[in-house]
Amino acid sequence: MNLVHKPIILGLAASDIQDAAFYYNQQKTGLGLRFTKEVKATIKFVCNNPKAAPNRYKDRHTILVDDFPYLIHYTVDSKAQVIRIHAVLHTSRDPKNWKDR
């Protein structure tokens, strides 16, 4: 039985989401909202299946957002039943941009 974990979206990750949504809305009206919905759906999936995505950097997991080239970078705190979202970055960006978040 999977335990449901609570998501905590850290400040820089929230900015990542907001910036990407703004960019997508500039490209096409409503696309930013679609991006945000996909990010939320991916986070919900992770909260219900915290170990579904592989560890990419030590304890950091990454999962791809459906239909968009973005990876959600997160850690799992099983004891506190928390998922911490550290970054939501375009797949072409250097991972060094988020490692210290």
N, C-alpha and C. Protein backbone atom coordinates (compact mmCIF):
# COMPACT_ATOMS: atom_id res chain seq x y z
N MET A 1 0.85 -1.19 0.00
CA MET A 1 0.00 0.00 0.00
C MET A 1 0.89 1.24 0.00
N ASN A 2 0.64 2.13 -0.94
CA ASN A 2 1.41 3.38 -1.01
C ASN A 2 0.82 4.40 -0.06
N LEU A 3 1.70 5.08 0.64
CA LEU A 3 1.27 6.17 1.50
C LEU A 3 1.24 7.45 0.68
N VAL A 4 0.26 8.26 0.92
CA VAL A 4 0.17 9.53 0.23
C VAL A 4 1.06 10.52 0.95
N HIS A 5 1.97 11.13 0.20
CA HIS A 5 2.88 12.13 0.74
C HIS A 5 2.35 13.53 0.42
N LYS A 6 2.65 14.46 1.27
CA LYS A 6 2.26 15.86 1.07
C LYS A 6 3.32 16.56 0.23
N PRO A 7 2.91 17.31 -0.80
CA PRO A 7 3.91 18.04 -1.58
C PRO A 7 4.27 19.38 -0.93
N ILE A 8 5.54 19.71 -0.96
CA ILE A 8 6.02 21.03 -0.56
C ILE A 8 6.80 21.57 -1.75
N ILE A 9 6.26 22.60 -2.37
CA ILE A 9 6.92 23.22 -3.53
C ILE A 9 7.75 24.38 -2.99
N LEU A 10 9.06 24.22 -3.05
CA LEU A 10 9.97 25.23 -2.54
C LEU A 10 9.93 26.48 -3.43
N GLY A 11 10.33 27.60 -2.88
CA GLY A 11 10.21 28.89 -3.55
C GLY A 11 10.77 28.97 -4.95
N LEU A 12 11.98 28.45 -5.14
CA LEU A 12 12.59 28.52 -6.47
C LEU A 12 11.85 27.63 -7.47
N ALA A 13 11.32 26.51 -7.00
CA ALA A 13 10.55 25.63 -7.88
C ALA A 13 9.24 26.31 -8.29
N ALA A 14 8.61 27.01 -7.35
CA ALA A 14 7.39 27.76 -7.66
C ALA A 14 7.68 28.83 -8.72
N SER A 15 8.83 29.48 -8.59
CA SER A 15 9.24 30.47 -9.60
C SER A 15 9.49 29.82 -10.95
N ASP A 16 10.10 28.63 -10.94
CA ASP A 16 10.32 27.90 -12.19
C ASP A 16 8.99 27.66 -12.91
N ILE A 17 7.99 27.21 -12.16
CA ILE A 17 6.68 26.90 -12.73
C ILE A 17 6.04 28.18 -13.28
N GLN A 18 6.09 29.23 -12.49
CA GLN A 18 5.49 30.50 -12.90
C GLN A 18 6.17 31.06 -14.16
N ASP A 19 7.49 31.01 -14.19
CA ASP A 19 8.23 31.53 -15.35
C ASP A 19 7.91 30.73 -16.61
N ALA A 20 7.86 29.41 -16.49
CA ALA A 20 7.56 28.58 -17.66
C ALA A 20 6.13 28.81 -18.13
N ALA A 21 5.19 28.92 -17.20
CA ALA A 21 3.80 29.17 -17.57
C ALA A 21 3.67 30.51 -18.30
N PHE A 22 4.36 31.51 -17.81
CA PHE A 22 4.36 32.82 -18.46
C PHE A 22 4.90 32.71 -19.89
N TYR A 23 6.02 32.02 -20.04
CA TYR A 23 6.62 31.82 -21.36
C TYR A 23 5.63 31.13 -22.30
N TYR A 24 5.02 30.04 -21.83
CA TYR A 24 4.08 29.30 -22.69
C TYR A 24 2.86 30.14 -23.04
N ASN A 25 2.38 30.97 -22.13
CA ASN A 25 1.25 31.85 -22.45
C ASN A 25 1.62 32.90 -23.49
N GLN A 26 2.89 33.29 -23.51
CA GLN A 26 3.35 34.22 -24.55
C GLN A 26 3.34 33.55 -25.92
N GLN A 27 3.56 32.23 -25.93
CA GLN A 27 3.59 31.48 -27.19
C GLN A 27 2.17 31.24 -27.71
N LYS A 28 1.25 30.90 -26.78
CA LYS A 28 -0.13 30.63 -27.16
C LYS A 28 -1.01 30.78 -25.91
N THR A 29 -2.05 31.55 -26.03
CA THR A 29 -2.96 31.77 -24.91
C THR A 29 -3.50 30.43 -24.40
N GLY A 30 -3.41 30.23 -23.10
CA GLY A 30 -3.91 29.01 -22.48
C GLY A 30 -2.89 27.91 -22.34
N LEU A 31 -1.78 28.02 -23.05
CA LEU A 31 -0.76 26.97 -22.98
C LEU A 31 -0.08 26.95 -21.61
N GLY A 32 0.07 28.11 -21.00
CA GLY A 32 0.65 28.18 -19.66
C GLY A 32 -0.21 27.47 -18.64
N LEU A 33 -1.53 27.61 -18.77
CA LEU A 33 -2.45 26.91 -17.87
C LEU A 33 -2.35 25.41 -18.07
N ARG A 34 -2.24 24.99 -19.31
CA ARG A 34 -2.08 23.55 -19.60
C ARG A 34 -0.78 23.02 -18.98
N PHE A 35 0.30 23.80 -19.10
CA PHE A 35 1.57 23.41 -18.49
C PHE A 35 1.41 23.25 -16.99
N THR A 36 0.80 24.25 -16.36
CA THR A 36 0.61 24.21 -14.90
C THR A 36 -0.22 22.99 -14.48
N LYS A 37 -1.26 22.68 -15.24
CA LYS A 37 -2.08 21.50 -14.93
C LYS A 37 -1.27 20.21 -15.04
N GLU A 38 -0.41 20.12 -16.04
CA GLU A 38 0.43 18.92 -16.20
C GLU A 38 1.44 18.80 -15.06
N VAL A 39 2.00 19.93 -14.64
CA VAL A 39 2.93 19.92 -13.51
C VAL A 39 2.21 19.43 -12.26
N LYS A 40 1.02 19.97 -12.00
CA LYS A 40 0.24 19.56 -10.83
C LYS A 40 -0.11 18.08 -10.88
N ALA A 41 -0.48 17.59 -12.06
CA ALA A 41 -0.82 16.17 -12.20
C ALA A 41 0.40 15.30 -11.94
N THR A 42 1.57 15.74 -12.40
CA THR A 42 2.80 14.98 -12.18
C THR A 42 3.17 14.97 -10.70
N ILE A 43 3.01 16.11 -10.05
CA ILE A 43 3.29 16.17 -8.61
C ILE A 43 2.33 15.27 -7.84
N LYS A 44 1.07 15.26 -8.23
CA LYS A 44 0.10 14.39 -7.57
C LYS A 44 0.49 12.92 -7.75
N PHE A 45 0.92 12.56 -8.95
CA PHE A 45 1.38 11.19 -9.21
C PHE A 45 2.55 10.84 -8.29
N VAL A 46 3.51 11.75 -8.19
CA VAL A 46 4.70 11.53 -7.35
C VAL A 46 4.29 11.37 -5.88
N CYS A 47 3.35 12.16 -5.43
CA CYS A 47 2.91 12.07 -4.03
C CYS A 47 2.28 10.71 -3.73
N ASN A 48 1.65 10.12 -4.72
CA ASN A 48 1.04 8.80 -4.53
C ASN A 48 2.00 7.66 -4.85
N ASN A 49 3.07 7.97 -5.57
CA ASN A 49 4.06 6.97 -5.99
C ASN A 49 5.46 7.56 -5.87
N PRO A 50 5.90 7.86 -4.65
CA PRO A 50 7.15 8.62 -4.48
C PRO A 50 8.40 7.95 -5.04
N LYS A 51 8.41 6.64 -5.13
CA LYS A 51 9.61 5.93 -5.63
C LYS A 51 9.49 5.53 -7.10
N ALA A 52 8.44 6.01 -7.77
CA ALA A 52 8.22 5.63 -9.17
C ALA A 52 9.28 6.20 -10.10
N ALA A 53 9.80 7.37 -9.77
CA ALA A 53 10.82 7.99 -10.60
C ALA A 53 12.20 7.63 -10.04
N PRO A 54 13.16 7.46 -10.91
CA PRO A 54 14.50 7.04 -10.45
C PRO A 54 15.25 8.15 -9.73
N ASN A 55 16.19 7.73 -8.88
CA ASN A 55 17.14 8.69 -8.30
C ASN A 55 18.07 9.11 -9.42
N ARG A 56 18.26 10.39 -9.55
CA ARG A 56 19.16 10.87 -10.58
C ARG A 56 20.47 11.38 -9.98
N TYR A 57 20.37 12.05 -8.86
CA TYR A 57 21.54 12.61 -8.18
C TYR A 57 21.40 12.29 -6.70
N LYS A 58 22.10 11.28 -6.24
CA LYS A 58 22.02 10.83 -4.84
C LYS A 58 20.57 10.60 -4.45
N ASP A 59 20.03 11.48 -3.60
CA ASP A 59 18.66 11.31 -3.11
C ASP A 59 17.64 12.09 -3.94
N ARG A 60 18.07 12.71 -5.02
CA ARG A 60 17.18 13.53 -5.85
C ARG A 60 16.56 12.68 -6.95
N HIS A 61 15.25 12.70 -7.01
CA HIS A 61 14.51 12.02 -8.06
C HIS A 61 14.15 13.04 -9.13
N THR A 62 13.95 12.55 -10.35
CA THR A 62 13.45 13.41 -11.42
C THR A 62 12.37 12.67 -12.18
N ILE A 63 11.37 13.44 -12.61
CA ILE A 63 10.29 12.87 -13.40
C ILE A 63 9.91 13.88 -14.47
N LEU A 64 9.64 13.37 -15.66
CA LEU A 64 9.30 14.21 -16.79
C LEU A 64 7.83 14.61 -16.73
N VAL A 65 7.55 15.86 -17.04
CA VAL A 65 6.18 16.37 -17.12
C VAL A 65 5.61 15.94 -18.47
N ASP A 66 4.40 15.37 -18.48
CA ASP A 66 3.78 14.94 -19.74
C ASP A 66 3.62 16.13 -20.69
N ASP A 67 3.94 15.89 -21.96
CA ASP A 67 3.75 16.84 -23.06
C ASP A 67 4.65 18.08 -23.04
N PHE A 68 5.51 18.19 -22.05
CA PHE A 68 6.41 19.34 -21.95
C PHE A 68 7.81 18.86 -21.60
N PRO A 69 8.84 19.51 -22.13
CA PRO A 69 10.23 19.07 -21.86
C PRO A 69 10.78 19.61 -20.53
N TYR A 70 10.08 19.30 -19.45
CA TYR A 70 10.48 19.75 -18.12
C TYR A 70 10.61 18.58 -17.18
N LEU A 71 11.65 18.62 -16.34
CA LEU A 71 11.85 17.63 -15.30
C LEU A 71 11.55 18.26 -13.95
N ILE A 72 10.80 17.53 -13.14
CA ILE A 72 10.57 17.92 -11.76
C ILE A 72 11.63 17.22 -10.92
N HIS A 73 12.38 17.99 -10.15
CA HIS A 73 13.44 17.47 -9.29
C HIS A 73 12.91 17.49 -7.86
N TYR A 74 12.91 16.32 -7.21
CA TYR A 74 12.31 16.25 -5.88
C TYR A 74 13.04 15.26 -4.98
N THR A 75 12.80 15.41 -3.67
CA THR A 75 13.29 14.46 -2.68
C THR A 75 12.10 13.92 -1.91
N VAL A 76 12.30 12.73 -1.35
CA VAL A 76 11.26 12.05 -0.59
C VAL A 76 11.69 11.98 0.87
N ASP A 77 10.83 12.44 1.75
CA ASP A 77 11.03 12.27 3.19
C ASP A 77 9.93 11.33 3.66
N SER A 78 10.24 10.03 3.65
CA SER A 78 9.24 9.02 3.99
C SER A 78 8.78 9.11 5.43
N LYS A 79 9.69 9.47 6.30
CA LYS A 79 9.34 9.58 7.72
C LYS A 79 8.28 10.66 7.94
N ALA A 80 8.47 11.82 7.34
CA ALA A 80 7.52 12.93 7.47
C ALA A 80 6.40 12.84 6.44
N GLN A 81 6.50 11.89 5.52
CA GLN A 81 5.56 11.70 4.42
C GLN A 81 5.42 12.99 3.60
N VAL A 82 6.58 13.50 3.18
CA VAL A 82 6.65 14.76 2.43
C VAL A 82 7.45 14.56 1.16
N ILE A 83 7.00 15.18 0.09
CA ILE A 83 7.74 15.29 -1.16
C ILE A 83 8.14 16.75 -1.29
N ARG A 84 9.44 17.01 -1.38
CA ARG A 84 9.93 18.38 -1.56
C ARG A 84 10.28 18.58 -3.03
N ILE A 85 9.61 19.53 -3.66
CA ILE A 85 9.89 19.87 -5.05
C ILE A 85 10.95 20.97 -5.03
N HIS A 86 12.14 20.65 -5.54
CA HIS A 86 13.27 21.58 -5.51
C HIS A 86 13.38 22.42 -6.78
N ALA A 87 12.98 21.84 -7.92
CA ALA A 87 13.13 22.56 -9.18
C ALA A 87 12.21 21.95 -10.23
N VAL A 88 11.81 22.79 -11.18
CA VAL A 88 11.06 22.35 -12.36
C VAL A 88 11.77 23.02 -13.53
N LEU A 89 12.67 22.25 -14.17
CA LEU A 89 13.57 22.84 -15.16
C LEU A 89 13.43 22.19 -16.53
N HIS A 90 13.61 23.03 -17.54
CA HIS A 90 13.62 22.54 -18.92
C HIS A 90 14.74 21.51 -19.05
N THR A 91 14.49 20.48 -19.83
CA THR A 91 15.46 19.39 -19.95
C THR A 91 16.78 19.83 -20.60
N SER A 92 16.79 20.95 -21.29
CA SER A 92 18.03 21.41 -21.92
C SER A 92 18.93 22.18 -20.94
N ARG A 93 18.42 22.50 -19.76
CA ARG A 93 19.21 23.27 -18.79
C ARG A 93 20.19 22.38 -18.04
N ASP A 94 21.29 22.97 -17.68
CA ASP A 94 22.34 22.28 -16.93
C ASP A 94 21.85 21.99 -15.51
N PRO A 95 21.94 20.74 -15.05
CA PRO A 95 21.49 20.40 -13.70
C PRO A 95 22.21 21.18 -12.60
N LYS A 96 23.38 21.73 -12.89
CA LYS A 96 24.09 22.54 -11.90
C LYS A 96 23.25 23.73 -11.46
N ASN A 97 22.27 24.12 -12.30
CA ASN A 97 21.41 25.26 -11.98
C ASN A 97 20.53 25.01 -10.77
N TRP A 98 20.33 23.76 -10.39
CA TRP A 98 19.41 23.48 -9.28
C TRP A 98 20.04 22.72 -8.13
N LYS A 99 21.22 22.21 -8.27
CA LYS A 99 21.79 21.34 -7.25
C LYS A 99 21.88 21.96 -5.86
N ASP A 100 22.00 23.25 -5.77
CA ASP A 100 22.13 23.90 -4.46
C ASP A 100 20.80 24.41 -3.92
N ARG A 101 19.71 24.05 -4.56
CA ARG A 101 18.39 24.53 -4.10
C ARG A 101 17.92 23.75 -2.92
